[in-house]
Amino acid sequence: MIALMTPRGFADLMSTMWPELIDAMPFGMGGMMRVMGKIPGALTLMKPMFPILFPRLLPGMMPKVMPVMLKRVGERIPMPDYMAEQMPELMPKVMDNLMPHMIGDLVPLVTQPMLDYLSGKTN
């Protein structure tokens, strides 16, 4: 669990959730990002904006993706039933406390994989 709560660990977890994360973007941005992924070079032009946008968008996206995140954490980390039962209450609090401290390290780790997903280079 501790390894998961590092920038690399969380980036690896996020890489399993691109469809849900893109869908969770506010203001229809997910659809716009998907369209931009089909236009050669468009996402490359947008890449410099991600260090600014991602820290602002991610906190609002987290509640929307929390169910799938909890599922993916449960698949990766064996835990007793009593701990799994507490995760829906604990994980949002952990993320609220942790994310402000690691977002700067996280964004560079997830930007290119997200662009690759949007452009169809990965699933």
PDB file of N, CA and C in Angstrom:
ATOM      1  N   MET A   1       0.834  -1.193   0.000  1.00  0.00           N
ATOM      2  CA  MET A   1       0.000   0.000   0.000  1.00  0.00           C
ATOM      3  C   MET A   1       0.874   1.250   0.000  1.00  0.00           C
ATOM      4  N   ILE A   2       1.968   1.214   0.731  1.00  0.00           N
ATOM      5  CA  ILE A   2       2.844   2.386   0.797  1.00  0.00           C
ATOM      6  C   ILE A   2       3.428   2.688  -0.577  1.00  0.00           C
ATOM      7  N   ALA A   3       3.846   1.651  -1.318  1.00  0.00           N
ATOM      8  CA  ALA A   3       4.397   1.866  -2.660  1.00  0.00           C
ATOM      9  C   ALA A   3       3.363   2.495  -3.587  1.00  0.00           C
ATOM     10  N   LEU A   4       2.107   2.153  -3.402  1.00  0.00           N
ATOM     11  CA  LEU A   4       1.035   2.713  -4.217  1.00  0.00           C
ATOM     12  C   LEU A   4       0.864   4.205  -3.963  1.00  0.00           C
ATOM     13  N   MET A   5       1.185   4.664  -2.789  1.00  0.00           N
ATOM     14  CA  MET A   5       0.994   6.061  -2.415  1.00  0.00           C
ATOM     15  C   MET A   5       2.209   6.928  -2.734  1.00  0.00           C
ATOM     16  N   THR A   6       3.058   6.463  -3.644  1.00  0.00           N
ATOM     17  CA  THR A   6       4.169   7.272  -4.150  1.00  0.00           C
ATOM     18  C   THR A   6       3.766   7.822  -5.513  1.00  0.00           C
ATOM     19  N   PRO A   7       4.442   8.850  -6.008  1.00  0.00           N
ATOM     20  CA  PRO A   7       4.087   9.335  -7.346  1.00  0.00           C
ATOM     21  C   PRO A   7       4.130   8.228  -8.405  1.00  0.00           C
ATOM     22  N   ARG A   8       5.167   7.402  -8.412  1.00  0.00           N
ATOM     23  CA  ARG A   8       5.268   6.317  -9.397  1.00  0.00           C
ATOM     24  C   ARG A   8       4.148   5.298  -9.188  1.00  0.00           C
ATOM     25  N   GLY A   9       3.897   4.919  -7.958  1.00  0.00           N
ATOM     26  CA  GLY A   9       2.836   3.954  -7.679  1.00  0.00           C
ATOM     27  C   GLY A   9       1.478   4.464  -8.103  1.00  0.00           C
ATOM     28  N   PHE A  10       1.208   5.727  -7.826  1.00  0.00           N
ATOM     29  CA  PHE A  10      -0.081   6.293  -8.198  1.00  0.00           C
ATOM     30  C   PHE A  10      -0.174   6.481  -9.715  1.00  0.00           C
ATOM     31  N   ALA A  11       0.942   6.842 -10.354  1.00  0.00           N
ATOM     32  CA  ALA A  11       0.950   6.970 -11.814  1.00  0.00           C
ATOM     33  C   ALA A  11       0.655   5.620 -12.457  1.00  0.00           C
ATOM     34  N   ASP A  12       1.226   4.559 -11.920  1.00  0.00           N
ATOM     35  CA  ASP A  12       0.958   3.222 -12.449  1.00  0.00           C
ATOM     36  C   ASP A  12      -0.511   2.854 -12.266  1.00  0.00           C
ATOM     37  N   LEU A  13      -1.085   3.209 -11.134  1.00  0.00           N
ATOM     38  CA  LEU A  13      -2.509   2.950 -10.899  1.00  0.00           C
ATOM     39  C   LEU A  13      -3.355   3.759 -11.883  1.00  0.00           C
ATOM     40  N   MET A  14      -3.013   5.010 -12.076  1.00  0.00           N
ATOM     41  CA  MET A  14      -3.769   5.852 -13.001  1.00  0.00           C
ATOM     42  C   MET A  14      -3.730   5.296 -14.420  1.00  0.00           C
ATOM     43  N   SER A  15      -2.620   4.670 -14.780  1.00  0.00           N
ATOM     44  CA  SER A  15      -2.499   4.146 -16.138  1.00  0.00           C
ATOM     45  C   SER A  15      -3.501   3.034 -16.418  1.00  0.00           C
ATOM     46  N   THR A  16      -4.119   2.495 -15.382  1.00  0.00           N
ATOM     47  CA  THR A  16      -5.156   1.473 -15.573  1.00  0.00           C
ATOM     48  C   THR A  16      -6.547   2.091 -15.638  1.00  0.00           C
ATOM     49  N   MET A  17      -6.611   3.408 -15.516  1.00  0.00           N
ATOM     50  CA  MET A  17      -7.905   4.083 -15.386  1.00  0.00           C
ATOM     51  C   MET A  17      -8.114   5.202 -16.406  1.00  0.00           C
ATOM     52  N   TRP A  18      -7.403   5.208 -17.527  1.00  0.00           N
ATOM     53  CA  TRP A  18      -7.520   6.334 -18.457  1.00  0.00           C
ATOM     54  C   TRP A  18      -8.946   6.569 -18.938  1.00  0.00           C
ATOM     55  N   PRO A  19      -9.696   5.546 -19.316  1.00  0.00           N
ATOM     56  CA  PRO A  19     -11.063   5.849 -19.781  1.00  0.00           C
ATOM     57  C   PRO A  19     -11.896   6.576 -18.720  1.00  0.00           C
ATOM     58  N   GLU A  20     -11.809   6.106 -17.499  1.00  0.00           N
ATOM     59  CA  GLU A  20     -12.581   6.719 -16.416  1.00  0.00           C
ATOM     60  C   GLU A  20     -12.079   8.118 -16.080  1.00  0.00           C
ATOM     61  N   LEU A  21     -10.768   8.301 -16.086  1.00  0.00           N
ATOM     62  CA  LEU A  21     -10.208   9.619 -15.792  1.00  0.00           C
ATOM     63  C   LEU A  21     -10.587  10.636 -16.866  1.00  0.00           C
ATOM     64  N   ILE A  22     -10.520  10.229 -18.117  1.00  0.00           N
ATOM     65  CA  ILE A  22     -10.884  11.141 -19.203  1.00  0.00           C
ATOM     66  C   ILE A  22     -12.370  11.490 -19.115  1.00  0.00           C
ATOM     67  N   ASP A  23     -13.207  10.486 -18.849  1.00  0.00           N
ATOM     68  CA  ASP A  23     -14.646  10.736 -18.704  1.00  0.00           C
ATOM     69  C   ASP A  23     -14.954  11.664 -17.532  1.00  0.00           C
ATOM     70  N   ALA A  24     -14.106  11.648 -16.505  1.00  0.00           N
ATOM     71  CA  ALA A  24     -14.343  12.448 -15.302  1.00  0.00           C
ATOM     72  C   ALA A  24     -13.905  13.900 -15.446  1.00  0.00           C
ATOM     73  N   MET A  25     -13.271  14.241 -16.554  1.00  0.00           N
ATOM     74  CA  MET A  25     -12.827  15.625 -16.734  1.00  0.00           C
ATOM     75  C   MET A  25     -14.038  16.554 -16.803  1.00  0.00           C
ATOM     76  N   PRO A  26     -13.949  17.701 -16.146  1.00  0.00           N
ATOM     77  CA  PRO A  26     -15.082  18.630 -16.136  1.00  0.00           C
ATOM     78  C   PRO A  26     -15.234  19.395 -17.451  1.00  0.00           C
ATOM     79  N   PHE A  27     -16.371  20.025 -17.600  1.00  0.00           N
ATOM     80  CA  PHE A  27     -16.646  20.950 -18.702  1.00  0.00           C
ATOM     81  C   PHE A  27     -16.538  20.302 -20.087  1.00  0.00           C
ATOM     82  N   GLY A  28     -16.787  19.000 -20.186  1.00  0.00           N
ATOM     83  CA  GLY A  28     -16.700  18.325 -21.477  1.00  0.00           C
ATOM     84  C   GLY A  28     -15.289  18.189 -22.012  1.00  0.00           C
ATOM     85  N   MET A  29     -14.311  18.409 -21.155  1.00  0.00           N
ATOM     86  CA  MET A  29     -12.922  18.355 -21.597  1.00  0.00           C
ATOM     87  C   MET A  29     -12.508  16.958 -22.042  1.00  0.00           C
ATOM     88  N   GLY A  30     -13.107  15.935 -21.454  1.00  0.00           N
ATOM     89  CA  GLY A  30     -12.749  14.567 -21.836  1.00  0.00           C
ATOM     90  C   GLY A  30     -13.054  14.315 -23.299  1.00  0.00           C
ATOM     91  N   GLY A  31     -14.244  14.713 -23.728  1.00  0.00           N
ATOM     92  CA  GLY A  31     -14.602  14.553 -25.133  1.00  0.00           C
ATOM     93  C   GLY A  31     -13.695  15.358 -26.042  1.00  0.00           C
ATOM     94  N   MET A  32     -13.384  16.574 -25.608  1.00  0.00           N
ATOM     95  CA  MET A  32     -12.486  17.412 -26.382  1.00  0.00           C
ATOM     96  C   MET A  32     -11.106  16.760 -26.487  1.00  0.00           C
ATOM     97  N   MET A  33     -10.628  16.197 -25.388  1.00  0.00           N
ATOM     98  CA  MET A  33      -9.311  15.542 -25.390  1.00  0.00           C
ATOM     99  C   MET A  33      -9.309  14.341 -26.330  1.00  0.00           C
ATOM    100  N   ARG A  34     -10.410  13.596 -26.345  1.00  0.00           N
ATOM    101  CA  ARG A  34     -10.498  12.438 -27.245  1.00  0.00           C
ATOM    102  C   ARG A  34     -10.461  12.885 -28.716  1.00  0.00           C
ATOM    103  N   VAL A  35     -11.147  13.975 -29.025  1.00  0.00           N
ATOM    104  CA  VAL A  35     -11.118  14.501 -30.394  1.00  0.00           C
ATOM    105  C   VAL A  35      -9.710  14.978 -30.736  1.00  0.00           C
ATOM    106  N   MET A  36      -9.085  15.685 -29.820  1.00  0.00           N
ATOM    107  CA  MET A  36      -7.732  16.193 -30.047  1.00  0.00           C
ATOM    108  C   MET A  36      -6.752  15.040 -30.277  1.00  0.00           C
ATOM    109  N   GLY A  37      -6.992  13.904 -29.623  1.00  0.00           N
ATOM    110  CA  GLY A  37      -6.123  12.748 -29.802  1.00  0.00           C
ATOM    111  C   GLY A  37      -6.152  12.195 -31.206  1.00  0.00           C
ATOM    112  N   LYS A  38      -7.207  12.494 -31.953  1.00  0.00           N
ATOM    113  CA  LYS A  38      -7.327  12.007 -33.331  1.00  0.00           C
ATOM    114  C   LYS A  38      -6.706  12.961 -34.351  1.00  0.00           C
ATOM    115  N   ILE A  39      -6.344  14.151 -33.906  1.00  0.00           N
ATOM    116  CA  ILE A  39      -5.739  15.150 -34.791  1.00  0.00           C
ATOM    117  C   ILE A  39      -4.224  15.092 -34.590  1.00  0.00           C
ATOM    118  N   PRO A  40      -3.494  14.698 -35.623  1.00  0.00           N
ATOM    119  CA  PRO A  40      -2.040  14.577 -35.479  1.00  0.00           C
ATOM    120  C   PRO A  40      -1.399  15.867 -34.941  1.00  0.00           C
ATOM    121  N   GLY A  41      -0.626  15.720 -33.881  1.00  0.00           N
ATOM    122  CA  GLY A  41       0.116  16.834 -33.309  1.00  0.00           C
ATOM    123  C   GLY A  41      -0.650  17.716 -32.344  1.00  0.00           C
ATOM    124  N   ALA A  42      -1.971  17.584 -32.275  1.00  0.00           N
ATOM    125  CA  ALA A  42      -2.767  18.478 -31.431  1.00  0.00           C
ATOM    126  C   ALA A  42      -2.426  18.313 -29.955  1.00  0.00           C
ATOM    127  N   LEU A  43      -2.285  17.082 -29.500  1.00  0.00           N
ATOM    128  CA  LEU A  43      -1.978  16.857 -28.085  1.00  0.00           C
ATOM    129  C   LEU A  43      -0.568  17.324 -27.739  1.00  0.00           C
ATOM    130  N   THR A  44       0.336  17.221 -28.688  1.00  0.00           N
ATOM    131  CA  THR A  44       1.693  17.719 -28.449  1.00  0.00           C
ATOM    132  C   THR A  44       1.669  19.218 -28.187  1.00  0.00           C
ATOM    133  N   LEU A  45       0.817  19.917 -28.906  1.00  0.00           N
ATOM    134  CA  LEU A  45       0.688  21.358 -28.688  1.00  0.00           C
ATOM    135  C   LEU A  45       0.086  21.669 -27.317  1.00  0.00           C
ATOM    136  N   MET A  46      -0.790  20.791 -26.844  1.00  0.00           N
ATOM    137  CA  MET A  46      -1.441  21.006 -25.548  1.00  0.00           C
ATOM    138  C   MET A  46      -0.580  20.565 -24.371  1.00  0.00           C
ATOM    139  N   LYS A  47       0.423  19.742 -24.625  1.00  0.00           N
ATOM    140  CA  LYS A  47       1.231  19.153 -23.554  1.00  0.00           C
ATOM    141  C   LYS A  47       1.773  20.170 -22.550  1.00  0.00           C
ATOM    142  N   PRO A  48       2.238  21.345 -22.969  1.00  0.00           N
ATOM    143  CA  PRO A  48       2.739  22.307 -21.978  1.00  0.00           C
ATOM    144  C   PRO A  48       1.673  22.799 -20.987  1.00  0.00           C
ATOM    145  N   MET A  49       0.397  22.651 -21.325  1.00  0.00           N
ATOM    146  CA  MET A  49      -0.668  23.105 -20.422  1.00  0.00           C
ATOM    147  C   MET A  49      -0.955  22.111 -19.299  1.00  0.00           C
ATOM    148  N   PHE A  50      -0.559  20.843 -19.465  1.00  0.00           N
ATOM    149  CA  PHE A  50      -0.921  19.828 -18.479  1.00  0.00           C
ATOM    150  C   PHE A  50      -0.371  20.083 -17.080  1.00  0.00           C
ATOM    151  N   PRO A  51       0.859  20.572 -16.932  1.00  0.00           N
ATOM    152  CA  PRO A  51       1.314  20.861 -15.563  1.00  0.00           C
ATOM    153  C   PRO A  51       0.478  21.927 -14.858  1.00  0.00           C
ATOM    154  N   ILE A  52      -0.201  22.765 -15.626  1.00  0.00           N
ATOM    155  CA  ILE A  52      -1.064  23.796 -15.042  1.00  0.00           C
ATOM    156  C   ILE A  52      -2.472  23.255 -14.829  1.00  0.00           C
ATOM    157  N   LEU A  53      -3.006  22.560 -15.837  1.00  0.00           N
ATOM    158  CA  LEU A  53      -4.379  22.066 -15.770  1.00  0.00           C
ATOM    159  C   LEU A  53      -4.565  20.885 -14.822  1.00  0.00           C
ATOM    160  N   PHE A  54      -3.661  19.933 -14.900  1.00  0.00           N
ATOM    161  CA  PHE A  54      -3.856  18.690 -14.155  1.00  0.00           C
ATOM    162  C   PHE A  54      -4.029  18.910 -12.653  1.00  0.00           C
ATOM    163  N   PRO A  55      -3.196  19.727 -12.009  1.00  0.00           N
ATOM    164  CA  PRO A  55      -3.397  19.953 -10.567  1.00  0.00           C
ATOM    165  C   PRO A  55      -4.740  20.601 -10.240  1.00  0.00           C
ATOM    166  N   ARG A  56      -5.272  21.359 -11.172  1.00  0.00           N
ATOM    167  CA  ARG A  56      -6.574  22.006 -10.936  1.00  0.00           C
ATOM    168  C   ARG A  56      -7.739  21.052 -11.193  1.00  0.00           C
ATOM    169  N   LEU A  57      -7.579  20.151 -12.162  1.00  0.00           N
ATOM    170  CA  LEU A  57      -8.662  19.256 -12.544  1.00  0.00           C
ATOM    171  C   LEU A  57      -8.744  17.993 -11.686  1.00  0.00           C
ATOM    172  N   LEU A  58      -7.595  17.454 -11.310  1.00  0.00           N
ATOM    173  CA  LEU A  58      -7.579  16.151 -10.641  1.00  0.00           C
ATOM    174  C   LEU A  58      -8.408  16.099  -9.359  1.00  0.00           C
ATOM    175  N   PRO A  59      -8.361  17.110  -8.493  1.00  0.00           N
ATOM    176  CA  PRO A  59      -9.182  17.015  -7.277  1.00  0.00           C
ATOM    177  C   PRO A  59     -10.678  16.850  -7.565  1.00  0.00           C
ATOM    178  N   GLY A  60     -11.179  17.479  -8.594  1.00  0.00           N
ATOM    179  CA  GLY A  60     -12.583  17.346  -8.950  1.00  0.00           C
ATOM    180  C   GLY A  60     -12.897  16.026  -9.634  1.00  0.00           C
ATOM    181  N   MET A  61     -11.883  15.431 -10.241  1.00  0.00           N
ATOM    182  CA  MET A  61     -12.067  14.156 -10.923  1.00  0.00           C
ATOM    183  C   MET A  61     -12.034  12.977  -9.958  1.00  0.00           C
ATOM    184  N   MET A  62     -11.308  13.117  -8.873  1.00  0.00           N
ATOM    185  CA  MET A  62     -11.098  11.986  -7.958  1.00  0.00           C
ATOM    186  C   MET A  62     -12.403  11.381  -7.427  1.00  0.00           C
ATOM    187  N   PRO A  63     -13.363  12.177  -6.975  1.00  0.00           N
ATOM    188  CA  PRO A  63     -14.600  11.552  -6.482  1.00  0.00           C
ATOM    189  C   PRO A  63     -15.315  10.729  -7.556  1.00  0.00           C
ATOM    190  N   LYS A  64     -15.218  11.166  -8.803  1.00  0.00           N
ATOM    191  CA  LYS A  64     -15.885  10.452  -9.895  1.00  0.00           C
ATOM    192  C   LYS A  64     -15.210   9.125 -10.209  1.00  0.00           C
ATOM    193  N   VAL A  65     -13.900   9.050 -10.008  1.00  0.00           N
ATOM    194  CA  VAL A  65     -13.172   7.819 -10.335  1.00  0.00           C
ATOM    195  C   VAL A  65     -12.890   6.952  -9.116  1.00  0.00           C
ATOM    196  N   MET A  66     -13.315   7.406  -7.946  1.00  0.00           N
ATOM    197  CA  MET A  66     -13.010   6.664  -6.718  1.00  0.00           C
ATOM    198  C   MET A  66     -13.500   5.211  -6.760  1.00  0.00           C
ATOM    199  N   PRO A  67     -14.706   4.911  -7.243  1.00  0.00           N
ATOM    200  CA  PRO A  67     -15.114   3.495  -7.259  1.00  0.00           C
ATOM    201  C   PRO A  67     -14.177   2.598  -8.062  1.00  0.00           C
ATOM    202  N   VAL A  68     -13.762   3.051  -9.231  1.00  0.00           N
ATOM    203  CA  VAL A  68     -12.846   2.225 -10.022  1.00  0.00           C
ATOM    204  C   VAL A  68     -11.457   2.191  -9.381  1.00  0.00           C
ATOM    205  N   MET A  69     -11.063   3.297  -8.761  1.00  0.00           N
ATOM    206  CA  MET A  69      -9.773   3.309  -8.074  1.00  0.00           C
ATOM    207  C   MET A  69      -9.761   2.291  -6.934  1.00  0.00           C
ATOM    208  N   LEU A  70     -10.825   2.273  -6.163  1.00  0.00           N
ATOM    209  CA  LEU A  70     -10.904   1.303  -5.066  1.00  0.00           C
ATOM    210  C   LEU A  70     -10.856  -0.125  -5.596  1.00  0.00           C
ATOM    211  N   LYS A  71     -11.512  -0.361  -6.716  1.00  0.00           N
ATOM    212  CA  LYS A  71     -11.490  -1.692  -7.319  1.00  0.00           C
ATOM    213  C   LYS A  71     -10.073  -2.066  -7.739  1.00  0.00           C
ATOM    214  N   ARG A  72      -9.376  -1.145  -8.387  1.00  0.00           N
ATOM    215  CA  ARG A  72      -8.015  -1.422  -8.865  1.00  0.00           C
ATOM    216  C   ARG A  72      -7.039  -1.594  -7.707  1.00  0.00           C
ATOM    217  N   VAL A  73      -7.217  -0.813  -6.654  1.00  0.00           N
ATOM    218  CA  VAL A  73      -6.367  -0.980  -5.459  1.00  0.00           C
ATOM    219  C   VAL A  73      -6.611  -2.363  -4.862  1.00  0.00           C
ATOM    220  N   GLY A  74      -7.874  -2.757  -4.773  1.00  0.00           N
ATOM    221  CA  GLY A  74      -8.209  -4.069  -4.237  1.00  0.00           C
ATOM    222  C   GLY A  74      -7.633  -5.203  -5.063  1.00  0.00           C
ATOM    223  N   GLU A  75      -7.512  -5.017  -6.371  1.00  0.00           N
ATOM    224  CA  GLU A  75      -6.918  -6.029  -7.245  1.00  0.00           C
ATOM    225  C   GLU A  75      -5.411  -6.125  -7.044  1.00  0.00           C
ATOM    226  N   ARG A  76      -4.781  -5.020  -6.681  1.00  0.00           N
ATOM    227  CA  ARG A  76      -3.324  -4.978  -6.544  1.00  0.00           C
ATOM    228  C   ARG A  76      -2.831  -5.321  -5.144  1.00  0.00           C
ATOM    229  N   ILE A  77      -3.644  -5.016  -4.156  1.00  0.00           N
ATOM    230  CA  ILE A  77      -3.184  -5.138  -2.771  1.00  0.00           C
ATOM    231  C   ILE A  77      -4.097  -6.082  -2.006  1.00  0.00           C
ATOM    232  N   PRO A  78      -3.570  -7.227  -1.615  1.00  0.00           N
ATOM    233  CA  PRO A  78      -4.399  -8.108  -0.789  1.00  0.00           C
ATOM    234  C   PRO A  78      -4.641  -7.464   0.573  1.00  0.00           C
ATOM    235  N   MET A  79      -5.879  -7.514   0.999  1.00  0.00           N
ATOM    236  CA  MET A  79      -6.193  -6.921   2.299  1.00  0.00           C
ATOM    237  C   MET A  79      -7.316  -7.720   2.945  1.00  0.00           C
ATOM    238  N   PRO A  80      -7.327  -7.731   4.265  1.00  0.00           N
ATOM    239  CA  PRO A  80      -8.422  -8.421   4.947  1.00  0.00           C
ATOM    240  C   PRO A  80      -9.751  -7.709   4.710  1.00  0.00           C
ATOM    241  N   ASP A  81     -10.830  -8.430   4.900  1.00  0.00           N
ATOM    242  CA  ASP A  81     -12.169  -7.891   4.652  1.00  0.00           C
ATOM    243  C   ASP A  81     -12.423  -6.590   5.412  1.00  0.00           C
ATOM    244  N   TYR A  82     -11.999  -6.538   6.680  1.00  0.00           N
ATOM    245  CA  TYR A  82     -12.276  -5.343   7.470  1.00  0.00           C
ATOM    246  C   TYR A  82     -11.593  -4.117   6.880  1.00  0.00           C
ATOM    247  N   MET A  83     -10.411  -4.304   6.275  1.00  0.00           N
ATOM    248  CA  MET A  83      -9.717  -3.173   5.657  1.00  0.00           C
ATOM    249  C   MET A  83     -10.410  -2.779   4.353  1.00  0.00           C
ATOM    250  N   ALA A  84     -10.794  -3.767   3.554  1.00  0.00           N
ATOM    251  CA  ALA A  84     -11.496  -3.483   2.299  1.00  0.00           C
ATOM    252  C   ALA A  84     -12.796  -2.725   2.560  1.00  0.00           C
ATOM    253  N   GLU A  85     -13.463  -3.054   3.641  1.00  0.00           N
ATOM    254  CA  GLU A  85     -14.708  -2.372   3.995  1.00  0.00           C
ATOM    255  C   GLU A  85     -14.476  -0.914   4.363  1.00  0.00           C
ATOM    256  N   GLN A  86     -13.301  -0.610   4.898  1.00  0.00           N
ATOM    257  CA  GLN A  86     -12.980   0.759   5.315  1.00  0.00           C
ATOM    258  C   GLN A  86     -12.441   1.628   4.177  1.00  0.00           C
ATOM    259  N   MET A  87     -11.996   0.995   3.106  1.00  0.00           N
ATOM    260  CA  MET A  87     -11.344   1.733   2.021  1.00  0.00           C
ATOM    261  C   MET A  87     -12.218   2.829   1.403  1.00  0.00           C
ATOM    262  N   PRO A  88     -13.519   2.628   1.174  1.00  0.00           N
ATOM    263  CA  PRO A  88     -14.308   3.727   0.598  1.00  0.00           C
ATOM    264  C   PRO A  88     -14.333   4.987   1.457  1.00  0.00           C
ATOM    265  N   GLU A  89     -14.180   4.819   2.740  1.00  0.00           N
ATOM    266  CA  GLU A  89     -14.136   5.986   3.627  1.00  0.00           C
ATOM    267  C   GLU A  89     -12.716   6.538   3.756  1.00  0.00           C
ATOM    268  N   LEU A  90     -11.727   5.650   3.801  1.00  0.00           N
ATOM    269  CA  LEU A  90     -10.348   6.069   4.036  1.00  0.00           C
ATOM    270  C   LEU A  90      -9.659   6.641   2.796  1.00  0.00           C
ATOM    271  N   MET A  91      -9.863   6.013   1.648  1.00  0.00           N
ATOM    272  CA  MET A  91      -9.110   6.404   0.452  1.00  0.00           C
ATOM    273  C   MET A  91      -9.331   7.864   0.052  1.00  0.00           C
ATOM    274  N   PRO A  92     -10.551   8.385   0.038  1.00  0.00           N
ATOM    275  CA  PRO A  92     -10.697   9.815  -0.300  1.00  0.00           C
ATOM    276  C   PRO A  92      -9.935  10.730   0.652  1.00  0.00           C
ATOM    277  N   LYS A  93      -9.922  10.384   1.930  1.00  0.00           N
ATOM    278  CA  LYS A  93      -9.180  11.207   2.899  1.00  0.00           C
ATOM    279  C   LYS A  93      -7.682  11.130   2.639  1.00  0.00           C
ATOM    280  N   VAL A  94      -7.203   9.930   2.344  1.00  0.00           N
ATOM    281  CA  VAL A  94      -5.780   9.760   2.039  1.00  0.00           C
ATOM    282  C   VAL A  94      -5.412  10.573   0.806  1.00  0.00           C
ATOM    283  N   MET A  95      -6.246  10.486  -0.231  1.00  0.00           N
ATOM    284  CA  MET A  95      -5.945  11.211  -1.461  1.00  0.00           C
ATOM    285  C   MET A  95      -5.995  12.721  -1.249  1.00  0.00           C
ATOM    286  N   ASP A  96      -6.951  13.199  -0.471  1.00  0.00           N
ATOM    287  CA  ASP A  96      -7.037  14.635  -0.184  1.00  0.00           C
ATOM    288  C   ASP A  96      -5.786  15.139   0.525  1.00  0.00           C
ATOM    289  N   ASN A  97      -5.233  14.310   1.406  1.00  0.00           N
ATOM    290  CA  ASN A  97      -4.025  14.700   2.141  1.00  0.00           C
ATOM    291  C   ASN A  97      -2.756  14.520   1.318  1.00  0.00           C
ATOM    292  N   LEU A  98      -2.716  13.484   0.519  1.00  0.00           N
ATOM    293  CA  LEU A  98      -1.501  13.132  -0.196  1.00  0.00           C
ATOM    294  C   LEU A  98      -1.310  13.908  -1.501  1.00  0.00           C
ATOM    295  N   MET A  99      -2.384  14.079  -2.243  1.00  0.00           N
ATOM    296  CA  MET A  99      -2.278  14.643  -3.592  1.00  0.00           C
ATOM    297  C   MET A  99      -1.605  16.019  -3.639  1.00  0.00           C
ATOM    298  N   PRO A 100      -1.915  16.946  -2.751  1.00  0.00           N
ATOM    299  CA  PRO A 100      -1.231  18.247  -2.853  1.00  0.00           C
ATOM    300  C   PRO A 100       0.286  18.146  -2.738  1.00  0.00           C
ATOM    301  N   HIS A 101       0.763  17.126  -2.046  1.00  0.00           N
ATOM    302  CA  HIS A 101       2.202  16.981  -1.837  1.00  0.00           C
ATOM    303  C   HIS A 101       2.897  16.256  -2.978  1.00  0.00           C
ATOM    304  N   MET A 102       2.160  15.478  -3.760  1.00  0.00           N
ATOM    305  CA  MET A 102       2.829  14.710  -4.804  1.00  0.00           C
ATOM    306  C   MET A 102       2.416  15.099  -6.220  1.00  0.00           C
ATOM    307  N   ILE A 103       1.493  16.023  -6.373  1.00  0.00           N
ATOM    308  CA  ILE A 103       0.996  16.360  -7.704  1.00  0.00           C
ATOM    309  C   ILE A 103       2.111  16.843  -8.631  1.00  0.00           C
ATOM    310  N   GLY A 104       3.051  17.605  -8.110  1.00  0.00           N
ATOM    311  CA  GLY A 104       4.154  18.093  -8.941  1.00  0.00           C
ATOM    312  C   GLY A 104       5.021  16.976  -9.483  1.00  0.00           C
ATOM    313  N   ASP A 105       5.194  15.913  -8.711  1.00  0.00           N
ATOM    314  CA  ASP A 105       5.967  14.755  -9.164  1.00  0.00           C
ATOM    315  C   ASP A 105       5.120  13.819 -10.019  1.00  0.00           C
ATOM    316  N   LEU A 106       3.818  13.837  -9.804  1.00  0.00           N
ATOM    317  CA  LEU A 106       2.913  12.941 -10.517  1.00  0.00           C
ATOM    318  C   LEU A 106       2.675  13.381 -11.963  1.00  0.00           C
ATOM    319  N   VAL A 107       2.476  14.660 -12.178  1.00  0.00           N
ATOM    320  CA  VAL A 107       2.112  15.161 -13.518  1.00  0.00           C
ATOM    321  C   VAL A 107       3.117  14.730 -14.591  1.00  0.00           C
ATOM    322  N   PRO A 108       4.418  14.869 -14.378  1.00  0.00           N
ATOM    323  CA  PRO A 108       5.345  14.428 -15.432  1.00  0.00           C
ATOM    324  C   PRO A 108       5.272  12.913 -15.706  1.00  0.00           C
ATOM    325  N   LEU A 109       4.883  12.149 -14.705  1.00  0.00           N
ATOM    326  CA  LEU A 109       4.809  10.696 -14.878  1.00  0.00           C
ATOM    327  C   LEU A 109       3.566  10.256 -15.650  1.00  0.00           C
ATOM    328  N   VAL A 110       2.506  11.046 -15.612  1.00  0.00           N
ATOM    329  CA  VAL A 110       1.253  10.627 -16.245  1.00  0.00           C
ATOM    330  C   VAL A 110       0.950  11.350 -17.555  1.00  0.00           C
ATOM    331  N   THR A 111       1.630  12.447 -17.829  1.00  0.00           N
ATOM    332  CA  THR A 111       1.286  13.232 -19.020  1.00  0.00           C
ATOM    333  C   THR A 111       1.476  12.438 -20.308  1.00  0.00           C
ATOM    334  N   GLN A 112       2.660  11.908 -20.543  1.00  0.00           N
ATOM    335  CA  GLN A 112       2.890  11.190 -21.803  1.00  0.00           C
ATOM    336  C   GLN A 112       2.042   9.921 -21.897  1.00  0.00           C
ATOM    337  N   PRO A 113       1.919   9.122 -20.834  1.00  0.00           N
ATOM    338  CA  PRO A 113       1.019   7.967 -20.945  1.00  0.00           C
ATOM    339  C   PRO A 113      -0.430   8.357 -21.262  1.00  0.00           C
ATOM    340  N   MET A 114      -0.893   9.480 -20.725  1.00  0.00           N
ATOM    341  CA  MET A 114      -2.247   9.928 -21.037  1.00  0.00           C
ATOM    342  C   MET A 114      -2.337  10.339 -22.508  1.00  0.00           C
ATOM    343  N   LEU A 115      -1.345  11.048 -23.007  1.00  0.00           N
ATOM    344  CA  LEU A 115      -1.332  11.442 -24.410  1.00  0.00           C
ATOM    345  C   LEU A 115      -1.278  10.221 -25.317  1.00  0.00           C
ATOM    346  N   ASP A 116      -0.494   9.224 -24.917  1.00  0.00           N
ATOM    347  CA  ASP A 116      -0.421   7.987 -25.696  1.00  0.00           C
ATOM    348  C   ASP A 116      -1.777   7.291 -25.736  1.00  0.00           C
ATOM    349  N   TYR A 117      -2.457   7.265 -24.606  1.00  0.00           N
ATOM    350  CA  TYR A 117      -3.786   6.659 -24.562  1.00  0.00           C
ATOM    351  C   TYR A 117      -4.740   7.424 -25.494  1.00  0.00           C
ATOM    352  N   LEU A 118      -4.750   8.732 -25.383  1.00  0.00           N
ATOM    353  CA  LEU A 118      -5.674   9.546 -26.179  1.00  0.00           C
ATOM    354  C   LEU A 118      -5.395   9.445 -27.680  1.00  0.00           C
ATOM    355  N   SER A 119      -4.142   9.257 -28.043  1.00  0.00           N
ATOM    356  CA  SER A 119      -3.805   9.169 -29.467  1.00  0.00           C
ATOM    357  C   SER A 119      -3.871   7.750 -29.995  1.00  0.00           C
ATOM    358  N   GLY A 120      -4.270   6.806 -29.132  1.00  0.00           N
ATOM    359  CA  GLY A 120      -4.432   5.418 -29.566  1.00  0.00           C
ATOM    360  C   GLY A 120      -3.169   4.600 -29.595  1.00  0.00           C
ATOM    361  N   LYS A 121      -2.092   5.104 -28.991  1.00  0.00           N
ATOM    362  CA  LYS A 121      -0.834   4.353 -28.968  1.00  0.00           C
ATOM    363  C   LYS A 121      -0.841   3.241 -27.933  1.00  0.00           C
ATOM    364  N   THR A 122      -1.725   3.361 -26.942  1.00  0.00           N
ATOM    365  CA  THR A 122      -1.897   2.326 -25.921  1.00  0.00           C
ATOM    366  C   THR A 122      -3.378   2.117 -25.689  1.00  0.00           C
ATOM    367  N   ASN A 123      -3.715   1.053 -25.022  1.00  0.00           N
ATOM    368  CA  ASN A 123      -5.141   0.790 -24.713  1.00  0.00           C
ATOM    369  C   ASN A 123      -5.532   1.459 -23.440  1.00  0.00           C
TER     370      ASN A 123
END
